Amino acid sequence: MTGLPAAASAAPGTLMVFGDSLSAEYGLAQGSGWVALLDRRLRTERPGWRVVNASISGETTLGGRNRLEAELSTHRPQVLFIALGGNDGLRGVSLESTRANLEAMIGAARKSGARPVMAGMRLPPNYGRTYGEKFRVVFVEVAKRQQVPLVPFLLEPIAERRDLFQADGIHPTAAAQPMILNTVWPVLSPLLR
């Protein structure tokens, strides 16, 4: 009996999405979130890649930092998409803590051999213009300093569309999920060759 051809026996590439409720399908039917849509797109457009969704609703950057090493060890991704920080802002976590946690996660990803990618977040206007701008800039500065690809704002295409949010005004509807995927795809796609 002969072995499988090299291409068929090669380990598939793994992309791990490491986020909060925006990536964990909060309030959505299972399999309808942007991460599940990404997995389906990869199966068609980038055969050999698979997606692991290690997102947890309510997760902060500190929570992510504390559990990342175990997730990296378990899933051994080639690419890590960090989509955390929104809950930090909503809870008033210090900007320096958020920055330090993001940088620690990037370091852990690199140490494990994974290529880190980040999604930026913004806060609702009721948090104040000054704080909101400082919060937004944290992601830009971390990405620039760490030389990490950045999706500037995960919810960019829907942020001003109230009709694309669930009743809580925070979590996107199922109809918004393809738009979120289309925001993420141009940044992720070049890394998934």
Protein backbone atom coordinates (compact mmCIF):
# COMPACT_ATOMS: atom_id res chain seq x y z
CA MET A 1 0.00 0.00 0.00
CA THR A 2 1.44 3.37 -0.96
CA GLY A 3 1.37 6.47 1.21
CA LEU A 4 -0.80 9.47 0.50
CA PRO A 5 0.53 12.10 -1.88
CA ALA A 6 2.49 14.80 -0.08
CA ALA A 7 -0.25 17.42 -0.57
CA ALA A 8 -2.93 15.17 0.88
CA SER A 9 -0.88 14.12 3.88
CA ALA A 10 0.34 17.61 4.80
CA ALA A 11 -1.15 18.97 8.00
CA PRO A 12 -3.82 21.57 7.24
CA GLY A 13 -3.23 25.18 8.17
CA THR A 14 -5.13 26.38 11.23
CA LEU A 15 -6.47 29.86 11.80
CA MET A 16 -7.60 30.45 15.38
CA VAL A 17 -10.04 33.28 16.06
CA PHE A 18 -9.60 34.49 19.62
CA GLY A 19 -12.37 36.92 20.44
CA ASP A 20 -15.38 37.80 22.53
CA SER A 21 -19.15 37.66 21.93
CA LEU A 22 -18.79 39.42 18.56
CA SER A 23 -16.96 36.32 17.32
CA ALA A 24 -18.69 33.72 19.53
CA GLU A 25 -22.10 33.94 17.80
CA TYR A 26 -23.84 35.64 20.73
CA GLY A 27 -27.58 35.69 20.06
CA LEU A 28 -27.17 33.91 16.71
CA ALA A 29 -28.00 30.43 15.46
CA GLN A 30 -24.97 28.17 15.67
CA GLY A 31 -22.99 28.26 12.44
CA SER A 32 -24.28 31.67 11.29
CA GLY A 33 -21.59 33.95 12.74
CA TRP A 34 -18.78 35.54 10.75
CA VAL A 35 -16.25 32.97 12.02
CA ALA A 36 -18.37 30.06 10.73
CA LEU A 37 -18.77 31.91 7.42
CA LEU A 38 -15.00 32.35 7.31
CA ASP A 39 -14.53 28.62 7.83
CA ARG A 40 -16.87 27.89 4.92
CA ARG A 41 -15.08 30.40 2.69
CA LEU A 42 -11.70 28.88 3.52
CA ARG A 43 -12.89 25.39 2.65
CA THR A 44 -13.78 26.69 -0.81
CA GLU A 45 -11.08 29.28 -1.48
CA ARG A 46 -8.16 28.02 0.63
CA PRO A 47 -8.44 24.22 0.84
CA GLY A 48 -6.31 22.78 3.62
CA TRP A 49 -7.08 25.61 6.04
CA ARG A 50 -9.45 25.21 8.96
CA VAL A 51 -10.81 27.64 11.52
CA VAL A 52 -10.87 27.13 15.27
CA ASN A 53 -13.17 29.54 17.07
CA ALA A 54 -11.73 29.99 20.58
CA SER A 55 -13.93 33.00 21.31
CA ILE A 56 -15.83 33.41 24.58
CA SER A 57 -18.66 35.86 25.24
CA GLY A 58 -17.66 38.48 27.80
CA GLU A 59 -13.93 37.89 27.33
CA THR A 60 -11.51 40.71 28.12
CA THR A 61 -7.91 41.07 27.01
CA LEU A 62 -6.79 39.93 30.48
CA GLY A 63 -8.96 36.81 30.28
CA GLY A 64 -7.62 36.15 26.80
CA ARG A 65 -4.05 36.68 27.91
CA ASN A 66 -4.55 34.21 30.76
CA ARG A 67 -5.96 31.42 28.59
CA LEU A 68 -4.10 31.97 25.31
CA GLU A 69 -1.09 29.78 25.98
CA ALA A 70 -3.29 26.71 26.59
CA GLU A 71 -5.33 27.40 23.42
CA LEU A 72 -2.16 27.83 21.35
CA SER A 73 -0.80 24.57 22.74
CA THR A 74 -4.04 22.71 22.03
CA HIS A 75 -4.76 24.00 18.50
CA ARG A 76 -1.25 24.95 17.24
CA PRO A 77 -2.49 27.59 14.77
CA GLN A 78 -0.36 29.07 12.02
CA VAL A 79 -2.40 32.31 12.23
CA LEU A 80 -3.98 33.84 15.34
CA PHE A 81 -6.69 36.47 14.85
CA ILE A 82 -7.03 38.48 18.07
CA ALA A 83 -10.45 40.17 18.27
CA LEU A 84 -10.49 41.27 21.90
CA GLY A 85 -10.71 44.60 23.67
CA GLY A 86 -14.31 45.71 23.32
CA ASN A 87 -15.23 44.45 26.78
CA ASP A 88 -12.19 46.22 28.24
CA GLY A 89 -13.56 49.52 26.99
CA LEU A 90 -17.11 48.78 28.13
CA ARG A 91 -15.81 47.94 31.62
CA GLY A 92 -13.46 50.90 31.88
CA VAL A 93 -10.26 48.83 31.99
CA SER A 94 -7.22 51.09 31.83
CA LEU A 95 -5.87 51.68 28.36
CA GLU A 96 -2.40 50.64 29.52
CA SER A 97 -3.73 47.29 30.74
CA THR A 98 -5.46 46.69 27.42
CA ARG A 99 -2.27 47.63 25.55
CA ALA A 100 -0.08 45.37 27.73
CA ASN A 101 -2.47 42.43 27.35
CA LEU A 102 -2.65 42.79 23.56
CA GLU A 103 1.14 42.96 23.33
CA ALA A 104 1.51 39.91 25.60
CA MET A 105 -0.88 37.92 23.37
CA ILE A 106 1.07 38.93 20.27
CA GLY A 107 4.27 37.80 21.98
CA ALA A 108 2.72 34.47 22.98
CA ALA A 109 1.49 33.90 19.42
CA ARG A 110 4.94 34.54 17.97
CA LYS A 111 6.60 32.35 20.57
CA SER A 112 4.28 29.49 19.57
CA GLY A 113 5.04 30.01 15.87
CA ALA A 114 1.67 31.59 15.01
CA ARG A 115 1.39 34.74 12.93
CA PRO A 116 -0.68 37.30 14.91
CA VAL A 117 -3.34 39.53 13.36
CA MET A 118 -5.53 42.00 15.27
CA ALA A 119 -8.95 43.56 14.96
CA GLY A 120 -9.39 47.05 16.30
CA MET A 121 -12.42 48.07 18.31
CA ARG A 122 -14.25 51.30 19.01
CA LEU A 123 -16.62 52.34 21.76
CA PRO A 124 -20.15 53.68 21.49
CA PRO A 125 -20.29 57.51 21.49
CA ASN A 126 -21.80 57.65 24.99
CA TYR A 127 -18.35 56.81 26.42
CA GLY A 128 -17.14 60.25 25.39
CA ARG A 129 -15.20 61.42 22.39
CA THR A 130 -11.82 61.78 24.14
CA TYR A 131 -11.83 58.36 25.79
CA GLY A 132 -13.26 56.74 22.65
CA GLU A 133 -10.45 58.15 20.51
CA LYS A 134 -7.75 57.11 23.00
CA PHE A 135 -9.27 53.62 23.07
CA ARG A 136 -9.31 53.37 19.24
CA VAL A 137 -5.68 54.48 19.03
CA VAL A 138 -4.49 51.70 21.39
CA PHE A 139 -5.13 49.11 18.67
CA VAL A 140 -3.48 51.20 15.96
CA GLU A 141 -0.39 51.83 18.09
CA VAL A 142 -0.02 48.21 19.19
CA ALA A 143 -0.36 46.99 15.59
CA LYS A 144 2.19 49.52 14.36
CA ARG A 145 4.71 48.93 17.14
CA GLN A 146 4.39 45.15 16.92
CA GLN A 147 4.17 45.15 13.10
CA VAL A 148 0.95 43.16 13.12
CA PRO A 149 -1.70 43.31 10.37
CA LEU A 150 -4.76 45.18 11.63
CA VAL A 151 -8.43 45.19 10.70
CA PRO A 152 -9.01 48.81 11.84
CA PHE A 153 -12.54 48.20 13.18
CA LEU A 154 -14.27 44.82 13.19
CA LEU A 155 -17.73 46.40 12.93
CA GLU A 156 -16.82 49.12 10.41
CA PRO A 157 -19.45 48.33 7.75
CA ILE A 158 -22.33 48.13 10.22
CA ALA A 159 -21.44 50.56 13.02
CA GLU A 160 -23.93 53.19 11.88
CA ARG A 161 -26.65 50.70 10.90
CA ARG A 162 -28.99 50.23 13.87
CA ASP A 163 -31.00 47.70 11.85
CA LEU A 164 -27.99 45.35 11.79
CA PHE A 165 -27.77 45.07 15.59
CA GLN A 166 -29.73 42.90 17.97
CA ALA A 167 -32.06 44.54 20.50
CA ASP A 168 -29.15 45.16 22.91
CA GLY A 169 -27.56 47.55 20.39
CA ILE A 170 -24.15 45.85 20.83
CA HIS A 171 -24.29 42.48 19.08
CA PRO A 172 -24.69 42.26 15.30
CA THR A 173 -27.55 40.32 13.70
CA ALA A 174 -27.17 37.35 11.38
CA ALA A 175 -27.61 39.69 8.41
CA ALA A 176 -24.50 41.63 9.51
CA GLN A 177 -22.21 38.61 9.66
CA PRO A 178 -21.28 38.45 5.95
CA MET A 179 -20.36 42.15 6.12
CA ILE A 180 -18.07 41.53 9.07
CA LEU A 181 -16.44 38.67 7.19
CA ASN A 182 -15.91 40.93 4.18
CA THR A 183 -14.19 43.45 6.46
CA VAL A 184 -11.83 40.81 7.88
CA TRP A 185 -11.12 38.91 4.65
CA PRO A 186 -8.81 41.42 2.88
CA VAL A 187 -6.46 41.42 5.89
CA LEU A 188 -6.55 37.67 6.56
CA SER A 189 -6.57 36.39 2.99
CA PRO A 190 -2.90 37.19 2.13
CA LEU A 191 -1.76 35.22 5.22
CA LEU A 192 -3.66 32.07 4.23
CA ARG A 193 -1.67 30.91 1.20
